[in-house]
Amino acid sequence: MPTTDKRIDAYIAKAQPFAQPILQHIRTVVYKACPDVEETIKWGFPHFEYKGAILCSMAAFKQHCAFGFWKASIMKDPEKILHIGEKASMGHFNKITSPEDLPSDKIFTAYIKQAAKLNEDSVQLPSKTKTKLAAPLEVPDDVQKALQKHKKALEAFNAFAPSHRKEYLQWITEAKTAPTRNKRIETMIEWLKEGKSRNWKYER
């Protein structure tokens, strides 16, 4: 029997109407590819764990969904579909606005099984990658307070890679005046609610 989490049922139910079938489809394919996967909520959005380690995750935003493999950086990509590194700010499949934006079930399943095999074999991310993922970022008090007031923005901020969170924080701390800093914080909140990175205007 699948190890489901009622919190994910609630997460999907609260998502935008366009996002619900996307999240349901991802959930279904993940379970078909890896029946022993376990669901949980980390950093405010759904994750799937297998063999004691994170396998993948999904998230819904105002205008798109995102999906990511925890060990994407060491996965093979025969179909050339994974967005890695700086290109992964919107998830490893980029912005997902409908189920059609996902790979075919056959291809998606193959990638999930590959990720599951890494967990089965206890393959770890390179130490440099782990350090980057775990490196804490100092979030100024005013920024933290603003994020705490907006759940969607906080979830998006936590979902971003450290490098993308750092882009926002540097932009804010580099402000020369208090009004400019406050305006940038307000803009950051609005962009995060839509799942946008700091440099979203320059991303394809």
N, C-alpha and C. Protein backbone atom coordinates (compact mmCIF):
# COMPACT_ATOMS: atom_id res chain seq x y z
N MET A 1 0.84 -1.20 0.00
CA MET A 1 0.00 0.00 0.00
C MET A 1 0.88 1.25 0.00
N PRO A 2 0.53 2.25 -0.80
CA PRO A 2 1.29 3.49 -0.83
C PRO A 2 1.26 4.18 0.53
N THR A 3 2.39 4.78 0.92
CA THR A 3 2.45 5.53 2.16
C THR A 3 2.12 6.98 1.85
N THR A 4 0.85 7.32 1.90
CA THR A 4 0.42 8.67 1.54
C THR A 4 0.36 9.57 2.78
N ASP A 5 0.33 10.85 2.53
CA ASP A 5 0.31 11.85 3.60
C ASP A 5 -0.88 12.77 3.35
N LYS A 6 -1.77 12.86 4.33
CA LYS A 6 -2.98 13.68 4.17
C LYS A 6 -2.64 15.16 3.96
N ARG A 7 -1.47 15.57 4.41
CA ARG A 7 -1.06 16.96 4.19
C ARG A 7 -0.87 17.26 2.71
N ILE A 8 -0.48 16.23 1.95
CA ILE A 8 -0.32 16.43 0.51
C ILE A 8 -1.69 16.47 -0.18
N ASP A 9 -2.63 15.68 0.33
CA ASP A 9 -4.00 15.78 -0.18
C ASP A 9 -4.49 17.22 -0.01
N ALA A 10 -4.24 17.78 1.17
CA ALA A 10 -4.68 19.15 1.46
C ALA A 10 -3.94 20.16 0.60
N TYR A 11 -2.64 19.92 0.38
CA TYR A 11 -1.84 20.83 -0.45
C TYR A 11 -2.40 20.88 -1.87
N ILE A 12 -2.70 19.71 -2.43
CA ILE A 12 -3.25 19.65 -3.78
C ILE A 12 -4.62 20.32 -3.84
N ALA A 13 -5.44 20.07 -2.83
CA ALA A 13 -6.79 20.65 -2.81
C ALA A 13 -6.76 22.17 -2.75
N LYS A 14 -5.72 22.73 -2.12
CA LYS A 14 -5.62 24.19 -1.99
C LYS A 14 -4.92 24.84 -3.18
N ALA A 15 -4.34 24.04 -4.04
CA ALA A 15 -3.62 24.58 -5.20
C ALA A 15 -4.59 25.18 -6.20
N GLN A 16 -4.07 26.02 -7.09
CA GLN A 16 -4.88 26.60 -8.16
C GLN A 16 -5.50 25.48 -9.00
N PRO A 17 -6.70 25.70 -9.55
CA PRO A 17 -7.37 24.66 -10.34
C PRO A 17 -6.49 24.05 -11.44
N PHE A 18 -5.70 24.89 -12.14
CA PHE A 18 -4.86 24.36 -13.21
C PHE A 18 -3.79 23.43 -12.66
N ALA A 19 -3.37 23.67 -11.40
CA ALA A 19 -2.26 22.92 -10.83
C ALA A 19 -2.66 21.55 -10.30
N GLN A 20 -3.91 21.41 -9.92
CA GLN A 20 -4.34 20.16 -9.28
C GLN A 20 -4.13 18.92 -10.15
N PRO A 21 -4.54 18.92 -11.43
CA PRO A 21 -4.29 17.73 -12.24
C PRO A 21 -2.81 17.46 -12.49
N ILE A 22 -2.00 18.52 -12.49
CA ILE A 22 -0.55 18.35 -12.68
C ILE A 22 0.04 17.63 -11.47
N LEU A 23 -0.30 18.10 -10.29
CA LEU A 23 0.21 17.49 -9.06
C LEU A 23 -0.29 16.06 -8.90
N GLN A 24 -1.54 15.84 -9.23
CA GLN A 24 -2.10 14.48 -9.13
C GLN A 24 -1.39 13.55 -10.09
N HIS A 25 -1.12 14.04 -11.29
CA HIS A 25 -0.45 13.20 -12.30
C HIS A 25 0.96 12.85 -11.85
N ILE A 26 1.70 13.85 -11.35
CA ILE A 26 3.05 13.59 -10.86
C ILE A 26 3.01 12.55 -9.75
N ARG A 27 2.10 12.72 -8.84
CA ARG A 27 1.95 11.80 -7.70
C ARG A 27 1.69 10.37 -8.18
N THR A 28 0.81 10.25 -9.17
CA THR A 28 0.45 8.93 -9.70
C THR A 28 1.65 8.25 -10.36
N VAL A 29 2.38 9.00 -11.18
CA VAL A 29 3.53 8.44 -11.90
C VAL A 29 4.64 8.05 -10.92
N VAL A 30 4.86 8.89 -9.92
CA VAL A 30 5.89 8.57 -8.92
C VAL A 30 5.57 7.25 -8.23
N TYR A 31 4.32 7.06 -7.85
CA TYR A 31 3.94 5.82 -7.17
C TYR A 31 4.01 4.60 -8.09
N LYS A 32 3.67 4.78 -9.36
CA LYS A 32 3.75 3.66 -10.29
C LYS A 32 5.21 3.26 -10.52
N ALA A 33 6.09 4.26 -10.57
CA ALA A 33 7.50 3.98 -10.82
C ALA A 33 8.21 3.46 -9.58
N CYS A 34 7.76 3.92 -8.40
CA CYS A 34 8.41 3.53 -7.15
C CYS A 34 7.33 3.32 -6.08
N PRO A 35 6.68 2.16 -6.08
CA PRO A 35 5.56 1.88 -5.17
C PRO A 35 5.86 2.04 -3.69
N ASP A 36 7.13 1.89 -3.29
CA ASP A 36 7.48 1.97 -1.88
C ASP A 36 7.88 3.37 -1.43
N VAL A 37 7.64 4.36 -2.27
CA VAL A 37 7.99 5.74 -1.93
C VAL A 37 7.12 6.21 -0.77
N GLU A 38 7.63 7.15 0.01
CA GLU A 38 6.88 7.72 1.13
C GLU A 38 6.72 9.22 0.93
N GLU A 39 5.54 9.71 1.27
CA GLU A 39 5.26 11.13 1.11
C GLU A 39 5.54 11.89 2.40
N THR A 40 5.91 13.15 2.25
CA THR A 40 6.08 14.01 3.41
C THR A 40 6.03 15.47 2.95
N ILE A 41 6.02 16.36 3.90
CA ILE A 41 6.08 17.78 3.60
C ILE A 41 7.39 18.32 4.18
N LYS A 42 8.19 18.95 3.33
CA LYS A 42 9.43 19.59 3.77
C LYS A 42 9.47 20.98 3.18
N TRP A 43 9.87 21.96 4.01
CA TRP A 43 9.96 23.35 3.56
C TRP A 43 8.64 23.85 2.96
N GLY A 44 7.54 23.25 3.40
CA GLY A 44 6.23 23.74 2.99
C GLY A 44 5.65 23.16 1.72
N PHE A 45 6.35 22.20 1.09
CA PHE A 45 5.79 21.61 -0.12
C PHE A 45 6.07 20.10 -0.18
N PRO A 46 5.34 19.35 -1.02
CA PRO A 46 5.42 17.88 -1.05
C PRO A 46 6.76 17.32 -1.51
N HIS A 47 7.22 16.33 -0.75
CA HIS A 47 8.42 15.58 -1.12
C HIS A 47 8.11 14.09 -1.11
N PHE A 48 8.88 13.35 -1.87
CA PHE A 48 8.77 11.89 -1.89
C PHE A 48 10.12 11.32 -1.47
N GLU A 49 10.08 10.44 -0.49
CA GLU A 49 11.31 9.83 0.02
C GLU A 49 11.34 8.34 -0.27
N TYR A 50 12.56 7.83 -0.45
CA TYR A 50 12.72 6.40 -0.74
C TYR A 50 14.05 5.94 -0.15
N LYS A 51 14.01 4.84 0.59
CA LYS A 51 15.19 4.28 1.22
C LYS A 51 15.88 5.29 2.14
N GLY A 52 15.05 6.06 2.84
CA GLY A 52 15.58 6.99 3.82
C GLY A 52 16.16 8.28 3.28
N ALA A 53 15.96 8.54 1.98
CA ALA A 53 16.50 9.76 1.39
C ALA A 53 15.46 10.39 0.47
N ILE A 54 15.59 11.69 0.23
CA ILE A 54 14.66 12.38 -0.66
C ILE A 54 14.85 11.87 -2.08
N LEU A 55 13.75 11.58 -2.74
CA LEU A 55 13.78 11.13 -4.13
C LEU A 55 13.48 12.31 -5.06
N CYS A 56 12.36 13.00 -4.80
CA CYS A 56 11.95 14.10 -5.64
C CYS A 56 10.93 14.97 -4.90
N SER A 57 10.54 16.06 -5.52
CA SER A 57 9.58 16.96 -4.89
C SER A 57 8.75 17.66 -5.96
N MET A 58 7.64 18.25 -5.53
CA MET A 58 6.80 19.02 -6.44
C MET A 58 6.23 20.21 -5.67
N ALA A 59 5.87 21.26 -6.41
CA ALA A 59 5.32 22.45 -5.77
C ALA A 59 4.39 23.16 -6.74
N ALA A 60 3.41 23.85 -6.19
CA ALA A 60 2.47 24.62 -7.00
C ALA A 60 2.60 26.10 -6.66
N PHE A 61 2.61 26.92 -7.69
CA PHE A 61 2.68 28.37 -7.51
C PHE A 61 1.46 29.01 -8.17
N LYS A 62 1.45 30.30 -8.23
CA LYS A 62 0.28 31.02 -8.73
C LYS A 62 -0.01 30.70 -10.20
N GLN A 63 1.05 30.58 -11.00
CA GLN A 63 0.85 30.40 -12.44
C GLN A 63 1.56 29.18 -13.02
N HIS A 64 2.27 28.43 -12.20
CA HIS A 64 2.94 27.23 -12.72
C HIS A 64 3.25 26.27 -11.58
N CYS A 65 3.64 25.07 -11.95
CA CYS A 65 4.10 24.07 -10.99
C CYS A 65 5.57 23.78 -11.26
N ALA A 66 6.22 23.15 -10.28
CA ALA A 66 7.63 22.79 -10.44
C ALA A 66 7.85 21.38 -9.91
N PHE A 67 8.81 20.70 -10.51
CA PHE A 67 9.17 19.34 -10.08
C PHE A 67 10.68 19.25 -10.05
N GLY A 68 11.21 18.52 -9.06
CA GLY A 68 12.65 18.39 -9.01
C GLY A 68 13.11 17.06 -8.44
N PHE A 69 14.21 16.54 -8.98
CA PHE A 69 14.87 15.35 -8.43
C PHE A 69 15.95 15.82 -7.46
N TRP A 70 16.03 15.22 -6.29
CA TRP A 70 17.02 15.62 -5.29
C TRP A 70 18.44 15.42 -5.80
N LYS A 71 18.65 14.35 -6.57
CA LYS A 71 20.01 14.04 -7.05
C LYS A 71 20.15 14.26 -8.56
N ALA A 72 19.42 15.25 -9.06
CA ALA A 72 19.44 15.52 -10.51
C ALA A 72 20.84 15.79 -11.03
N SER A 73 21.69 16.42 -10.20
CA SER A 73 23.03 16.79 -10.66
C SER A 73 23.91 15.60 -11.00
N ILE A 74 23.55 14.40 -10.49
CA ILE A 74 24.36 13.22 -10.79
C ILE A 74 23.57 12.19 -11.60
N MET A 75 22.39 12.58 -12.07
CA MET A 75 21.58 11.67 -12.89
C MET A 75 21.99 11.75 -14.36
N LYS A 76 21.78 10.67 -15.07
CA LYS A 76 21.98 10.67 -16.51
C LYS A 76 20.75 11.30 -17.15
N ASP A 77 20.94 11.97 -18.26
CA ASP A 77 19.84 12.69 -18.90
C ASP A 77 19.78 12.35 -20.40
N PRO A 78 19.46 11.09 -20.73
CA PRO A 78 19.47 10.65 -22.13
C PRO A 78 18.50 11.41 -23.02
N GLU A 79 17.40 11.91 -22.44
CA GLU A 79 16.40 12.62 -23.24
C GLU A 79 16.66 14.13 -23.29
N LYS A 80 17.69 14.58 -22.59
CA LYS A 80 18.04 16.02 -22.55
C LYS A 80 16.85 16.87 -22.09
N ILE A 81 16.23 16.47 -21.00
CA ILE A 81 15.05 17.18 -20.53
C ILE A 81 15.25 17.86 -19.17
N LEU A 82 16.35 17.57 -18.49
CA LEU A 82 16.56 18.12 -17.17
C LEU A 82 17.21 19.50 -17.22
N HIS A 83 16.63 20.43 -16.49
CA HIS A 83 17.22 21.76 -16.33
C HIS A 83 18.06 21.70 -15.06
N ILE A 84 19.38 21.82 -15.21
CA ILE A 84 20.30 21.66 -14.10
C ILE A 84 21.00 22.98 -13.78
N GLY A 85 21.44 23.13 -12.55
CA GLY A 85 22.19 24.31 -12.14
C GLY A 85 21.35 25.57 -12.17
N GLU A 86 21.90 26.63 -12.74
CA GLU A 86 21.20 27.92 -12.78
C GLU A 86 19.91 27.84 -13.57
N LYS A 87 19.81 26.87 -14.48
CA LYS A 87 18.61 26.73 -15.30
C LYS A 87 17.46 26.08 -14.53
N ALA A 88 17.76 25.60 -13.31
CA ALA A 88 16.76 24.85 -12.56
C ALA A 88 15.95 25.71 -11.61
N SER A 89 15.99 27.04 -11.74
CA SER A 89 15.26 27.89 -10.80
C SER A 89 13.76 27.66 -10.85
N MET A 90 13.25 27.16 -11.98
CA MET A 90 11.83 26.87 -12.12
C MET A 90 11.54 25.38 -12.01
N GLY A 91 12.53 24.61 -11.55
CA GLY A 91 12.36 23.17 -11.45
C GLY A 91 13.12 22.46 -12.56
N HIS A 92 13.30 21.15 -12.41
CA HIS A 92 14.09 20.41 -13.39
C HIS A 92 13.36 20.19 -14.71
N PHE A 93 12.05 20.44 -14.74
CA PHE A 93 11.30 20.38 -15.99
C PHE A 93 10.83 21.76 -16.42
N ASN A 94 11.45 22.81 -15.85
CA ASN A 94 11.08 24.19 -16.11
C ASN A 94 9.64 24.44 -15.62
N LYS A 95 9.01 25.50 -16.07
CA LYS A 95 7.65 25.81 -15.63
C LYS A 95 6.68 24.77 -16.20
N ILE A 96 5.81 24.25 -15.33
CA ILE A 96 4.81 23.27 -15.75
C ILE A 96 3.44 23.92 -15.58
N THR A 97 2.76 24.14 -16.69
CA THR A 97 1.45 24.80 -16.63
C THR A 97 0.30 23.86 -16.98
N SER A 98 0.65 22.66 -17.44
CA SER A 98 -0.37 21.64 -17.74
C SER A 98 0.32 20.28 -17.74
N PRO A 99 -0.44 19.19 -17.60
CA PRO A 99 0.18 17.86 -17.62
C PRO A 99 0.99 17.60 -18.89
N GLU A 100 0.62 18.28 -19.99
CA GLU A 100 1.33 18.08 -21.26
C GLU A 100 2.77 18.60 -21.21
N ASP A 101 3.07 19.47 -20.23
CA ASP A 101 4.43 19.98 -20.11
C ASP A 101 5.37 18.96 -19.47
N LEU A 102 4.81 17.91 -18.91
CA LEU A 102 5.62 16.85 -18.30
C LEU A 102 6.11 15.88 -19.37
N PRO A 103 7.18 15.15 -19.10
CA PRO A 103 7.63 14.12 -20.06
C PRO A 103 6.54 13.05 -20.18
N SER A 104 6.61 12.24 -21.20
CA SER A 104 5.66 11.14 -21.33
C SER A 104 5.79 10.25 -20.12
N ASP A 105 4.74 9.51 -19.79
CA ASP A 105 4.79 8.63 -18.62
C ASP A 105 5.95 7.65 -18.71
N LYS A 106 6.23 7.16 -19.92
CA LYS A 106 7.32 6.20 -20.10
C LYS A 106 8.66 6.81 -19.74
N ILE A 107 8.92 8.01 -20.25
CA ILE A 107 10.19 8.68 -19.98
C ILE A 107 10.26 9.12 -18.51
N PHE A 108 9.17 9.69 -18.02
CA PHE A 108 9.12 10.14 -16.63
C PHE A 108 9.40 8.97 -15.68
N THR A 109 8.78 7.84 -15.96
CA THR A 109 8.97 6.64 -15.13
C THR A 109 10.43 6.19 -15.14
N ALA A 110 11.05 6.24 -16.31
CA ALA A 110 12.44 5.81 -16.42
C ALA A 110 13.35 6.70 -15.56
N TYR A 111 13.09 7.99 -15.55
CA TYR A 111 13.90 8.92 -14.76
C TYR A 111 13.68 8.71 -13.26
N ILE A 112 12.43 8.46 -12.88
CA ILE A 112 12.13 8.21 -11.47
C ILE A 112 12.82 6.93 -11.01
N LYS A 113 12.78 5.89 -11.84
CA LYS A 113 13.44 4.63 -11.48
C LYS A 113 14.95 4.82 -11.37
N GLN A 114 15.50 5.66 -12.23
CA GLN A 114 16.94 5.93 -12.16
C GLN A 114 17.27 6.63 -10.83
N ALA A 115 16.43 7.60 -10.46
CA ALA A 115 16.65 8.31 -9.19
C ALA A 115 16.49 7.36 -8.01
N ALA A 116 15.51 6.45 -8.10
CA ALA A 116 15.28 5.46 -7.04
C ALA A 116 16.48 4.53 -6.89
N LYS A 117 17.08 4.16 -8.01
CA LYS A 117 18.25 3.26 -7.98
C LYS A 117 19.42 3.93 -7.26
N LEU A 118 19.57 5.23 -7.43
CA LEU A 118 20.63 5.95 -6.73
C LEU A 118 20.43 5.84 -5.22
N ASN A 119 19.16 5.95 -4.79
CA ASN A 119 18.87 5.82 -3.35
C ASN A 119 19.08 4.39 -2.87
N GLU A 120 18.68 3.44 -3.70
CA GLU A 120 18.87 2.03 -3.34
C GLU A 120 20.35 1.71 -3.15
N ASP A 121 21.17 2.29 -3.99
CA ASP A 121 22.61 2.04 -3.94
C ASP A 121 23.33 2.98 -2.96
N SER A 122 22.54 3.80 -2.25
CA SER A 122 23.10 4.75 -1.27
C SER A 122 24.12 5.70 -1.90
N VAL A 123 23.88 6.06 -3.15
CA VAL A 123 24.77 7.00 -3.83
C VAL A 123 24.53 8.40 -3.27
N GLN A 124 25.60 9.05 -2.86
CA GLN A 124 25.48 10.38 -2.25
C GLN A 124 25.87 11.46 -3.25
N LEU A 125 25.34 12.66 -3.02
CA LEU A 125 25.76 13.80 -3.82
C LEU A 125 27.22 14.13 -3.48
N PRO A 126 27.98 14.65 -4.45
CA PRO A 126 29.36 15.04 -4.16
C PRO A 126 29.39 16.00 -2.97
N SER A 127 30.46 15.94 -2.19
CA SER A 127 30.54 16.77 -0.98
C SER A 127 30.37 18.25 -1.28
N LYS A 128 30.87 18.71 -2.42
CA LYS A 128 30.75 20.11 -2.79
C LYS A 128 29.29 20.47 -2.99
N THR A 129 28.54 19.55 -3.65
CA THR A 129 27.13 19.79 -3.89
C THR A 129 26.35 19.79 -2.58
N LYS A 130 26.68 18.84 -1.69
CA LYS A 130 25.98 18.76 -0.41
C LYS A 130 26.23 20.02 0.41
N THR A 131 27.46 20.52 0.36
CA THR A 131 27.77 21.73 1.10
C THR A 131 26.97 22.90 0.58
N LYS A 132 26.84 22.96 -0.74
CA LYS A 132 26.08 24.05 -1.33
C LYS A 132 24.62 23.96 -0.94
N LEU A 133 24.07 22.76 -0.91
CA LEU A 133 22.67 22.59 -0.57
C LEU A 133 22.42 22.91 0.90
N ALA A 134 23.39 22.58 1.75
CA ALA A 134 23.18 22.72 3.17
C ALA A 134 23.62 24.07 3.72
N ALA A 135 24.38 24.83 2.93
CA ALA A 135 24.92 26.08 3.43
C ALA A 135 23.81 27.04 3.85
N PRO A 136 23.81 27.42 5.11
CA PRO A 136 22.76 28.31 5.59
C PRO A 136 22.95 29.73 5.07
N LEU A 137 21.87 30.40 4.80
CA LEU A 137 21.92 31.77 4.35
C LEU A 137 21.36 32.65 5.47
N GLU A 138 22.06 33.71 5.76
CA GLU A 138 21.59 34.62 6.81
C GLU A 138 20.52 35.54 6.22
N VAL A 139 19.32 35.38 6.69
CA VAL A 139 18.20 36.18 6.20
C VAL A 139 17.96 37.33 7.17
N PRO A 140 18.09 38.59 6.71
CA PRO A 140 17.86 39.74 7.58
C PRO A 140 16.48 39.69 8.24
N ASP A 141 16.38 40.28 9.43
CA ASP A 141 15.13 40.23 10.18
C ASP A 141 13.95 40.81 9.42
N ASP A 142 14.16 41.94 8.72
CA ASP A 142 13.03 42.55 8.01
C ASP A 142 12.56 41.69 6.85
N VAL A 143 13.50 40.99 6.22
CA VAL A 143 13.13 40.09 5.12
C VAL A 143 12.39 38.87 5.68
N GLN A 144 12.90 38.33 6.78
CA GLN A 144 12.28 37.17 7.41
C GLN A 144 10.85 37.49 7.84
N LYS A 145 10.64 38.66 8.43
CA LYS A 145 9.31 39.06 8.87
C LYS A 145 8.35 39.18 7.69
N ALA A 146 8.85 39.74 6.58
CA ALA A 146 8.01 39.89 5.39
C ALA A 146 7.62 38.52 4.83
N LEU A 147 8.57 37.59 4.80
CA LEU A 147 8.30 36.25 4.29
C LEU A 147 7.30 35.51 5.18
N GLN A 148 7.43 35.69 6.50
CA GLN A 148 6.54 34.99 7.43
C GLN A 148 5.08 35.43 7.26
N LYS A 149 4.88 36.64 6.75
CA LYS A 149 3.52 37.16 6.56
C LYS A 149 2.88 36.62 5.29
N HIS A 150 3.68 36.03 4.42
CA HIS A 150 3.16 35.56 3.13
C HIS A 150 3.62 34.12 2.90
N LYS A 151 2.74 33.18 3.21
CA LYS A 151 3.07 31.76 3.16
C LYS A 151 3.56 31.32 1.79
N LYS A 152 2.86 31.76 0.73
CA LYS A 152 3.25 31.36 -0.63
C LYS A 152 4.66 31.83 -0.96
N ALA A 153 4.96 33.07 -0.57
CA ALA A 153 6.29 33.62 -0.85
C ALA A 153 7.35 32.85 -0.07
N LEU A 154 7.06 32.52 1.18
CA LEU A 154 8.00 31.78 2.01
C LEU A 154 8.27 30.39 1.43
N GLU A 155 7.22 29.71 0.97
CA GLU A 155 7.38 28.38 0.39
C GLU A 155 8.25 28.46 -0.86
N ALA A 156 8.00 29.47 -1.70
CA ALA A 156 8.78 29.61 -2.93
C ALA A 156 10.23 29.91 -2.61
N PHE A 157 10.46 30.80 -1.64
CA PHE A 157 11.82 31.16 -1.25
C PHE A 157 12.58 29.94 -0.75
N ASN A 158 11.95 29.14 0.08
CA ASN A 158 12.59 27.94 0.62
C ASN A 158 12.82 26.88 -0.45
N ALA A 159 11.98 26.90 -1.50
CA ALA A 159 12.09 25.90 -2.56
C ALA A 159 13.24 26.19 -3.51
N PHE A 160 13.66 27.46 -3.58
CA PHE A 160 14.74 27.84 -4.47
C PHE A 160 16.08 27.29 -4.00
N ALA A 161 16.98 27.10 -4.95
CA ALA A 161 18.34 26.70 -4.61
C ALA A 161 19.00 27.85 -3.84
N PRO A 162 20.00 27.55 -2.99
CA PRO A 162 20.67 28.61 -2.22
C PRO A 162 21.16 29.76 -3.09
N SER A 163 21.63 29.45 -4.29
CA SER A 163 22.14 30.51 -5.17
C SER A 163 21.06 31.50 -5.55
N HIS A 164 19.83 31.01 -5.74
CA HIS A 164 18.75 31.91 -6.13
C HIS A 164 18.22 32.70 -4.93
N ARG A 165 18.23 32.09 -3.74
CA ARG A 165 17.85 32.84 -2.55
C ARG A 165 18.88 33.95 -2.30
N LYS A 166 20.14 33.60 -2.54
CA LYS A 166 21.22 34.58 -2.33
C LYS A 166 21.07 35.77 -3.26
N GLU A 167 20.61 35.55 -4.49
CA GLU A 167 20.41 36.64 -5.44
C GLU A 167 19.42 37.66 -4.89
N TYR A 168 18.34 37.16 -4.31
CA TYR A 168 17.35 38.06 -3.72
C TYR A 168 17.94 38.82 -2.54
N LEU A 169 18.62 38.12 -1.65
CA LEU A 169 19.15 38.74 -0.44
C LEU A 169 20.22 39.79 -0.77
N GLN A 170 21.05 39.50 -1.74
CA GLN A 170 22.08 40.48 -2.14
C GLN A 170 21.43 41.73 -2.72
N TRP A 171 20.40 41.52 -3.54
CA TRP A 171 19.70 42.64 -4.17
C TRP A 171 19.11 43.57 -3.10
N ILE A 172 18.55 42.97 -2.06
CA ILE A 172 17.93 43.76 -0.99
C ILE A 172 18.98 44.44 -0.13
N THR A 173 20.02 43.73 0.27
CA THR A 173 21.03 44.32 1.16
C THR A 173 21.89 45.35 0.47
N GLU A 174 21.90 45.35 -0.86
CA GLU A 174 22.68 46.34 -1.60
C GLU A 174 21.94 47.66 -1.78
N ALA A 175 20.69 47.72 -1.33
CA ALA A 175 19.90 48.95 -1.44
C ALA A 175 20.60 50.07 -0.65
N LYS A 176 20.65 51.27 -1.23
CA LYS A 176 21.35 52.38 -0.61
C LYS A 176 20.51 53.11 0.44
N THR A 177 19.19 53.05 0.31
CA THR A 177 18.32 53.76 1.24
C THR A 177 17.24 52.83 1.78
N ALA A 178 16.66 53.19 2.91
CA ALA A 178 15.61 52.38 3.52
C ALA A 178 14.39 52.25 2.61
N PRO A 179 13.92 53.36 1.98
CA PRO A 179 12.76 53.23 1.07
C PRO A 179 13.03 52.27 -0.07
N THR A 180 14.24 52.32 -0.62
CA THR A 180 14.59 51.40 -1.71
C THR A 180 14.59 49.97 -1.23
N ARG A 181 15.15 49.76 -0.05
CA ARG A 181 15.19 48.42 0.53
C ARG A 181 13.78 47.88 0.75
N ASN A 182 12.91 48.71 1.31
CA ASN A 182 11.52 48.29 1.56
C ASN A 182 10.80 47.97 0.26
N LYS A 183 11.05 48.78 -0.76
CA LYS A 183 10.42 48.54 -2.06
C LYS A 183 10.89 47.22 -2.66
N ARG A 184 12.16 46.94 -2.51
CA ARG A 184 12.70 45.69 -3.05
C ARG A 184 12.13 44.49 -2.31
N ILE A 185 11.94 44.63 -1.01
CA ILE A 185 11.34 43.53 -0.24
C ILE A 185 9.91 43.28 -0.73
N GLU A 186 9.16 44.36 -0.96
CA GLU A 186 7.78 44.23 -1.46
C GLU A 186 7.77 43.55 -2.82
N THR A 187 8.70 43.95 -3.68
CA THR A 187 8.78 43.37 -5.02
C THR A 187 9.16 41.89 -4.93
N MET A 188 10.11 41.56 -4.05
CA MET A 188 10.51 40.18 -3.87
C MET A 188 9.31 39.32 -3.46
N ILE A 189 8.51 39.81 -2.54
CA ILE A 189 7.34 39.07 -2.07
C ILE A 189 6.38 38.81 -3.23
N GLU A 190 6.11 39.82 -4.03
CA GLU A 190 5.19 39.66 -5.16
C GLU A 190 5.72 38.66 -6.18
N TRP A 191 7.01 38.74 -6.46
CA TRP A 191 7.60 37.81 -7.43
C TRP A 191 7.61 36.39 -6.89
N LEU A 192 7.92 36.25 -5.61
CA LEU A 192 7.95 34.91 -5.01
C LEU A 192 6.57 34.27 -5.02
N LYS A 193 5.53 35.06 -4.83
CA LYS A 193 4.16 34.53 -4.86
C LYS A 193 3.85 33.89 -6.20
N GLU A 194 4.55 34.36 -7.24
CA GLU A 194 4.36 33.83 -8.59
C GLU A 194 5.44 32.81 -8.95
N GLY A 195 6.27 32.46 -7.95
CA GLY A 195 7.32 31.47 -8.18
C GLY A 195 8.48 31.98 -9.02
N LYS A 196 8.67 33.29 -9.04
CA LYS A 196 9.70 33.88 -9.89
C LYS A 196 11.02 34.05 -9.15
N SER A 197 12.10 33.80 -9.84
CA SER A 197 13.43 34.04 -9.28
C SER A 197 13.76 35.52 -9.44
N ARG A 198 14.82 35.95 -8.82
CA ARG A 198 15.24 37.36 -8.89
C ARG A 198 15.45 37.80 -10.34
N ASN A 199 16.03 36.94 -11.15
CA ASN A 199 16.34 37.29 -12.54
C ASN A 199 15.39 36.64 -13.54
N TRP A 200 14.12 36.49 -13.14
CA TRP A 200 13.15 35.80 -13.99
C TRP A 200 12.98 36.45 -15.36
N LYS A 201 13.20 37.76 -15.45
CA LYS A 201 13.00 38.45 -16.72
C LYS A 201 14.00 38.01 -17.78
N TYR A 202 15.13 37.46 -17.31
CA TYR A 202 16.18 37.06 -18.24
C TYR A 202 16.20 35.57 -18.50
N GLU A 203 15.23 34.86 -17.90
CA GLU A 203 15.15 33.42 -18.11
C GLU A 203 14.17 33.09 -19.19
N ARG A 204 14.46 32.04 -19.92
CA ARG A 204 13.55 31.63 -20.98
C ARG A 204 12.35 30.90 -20.40
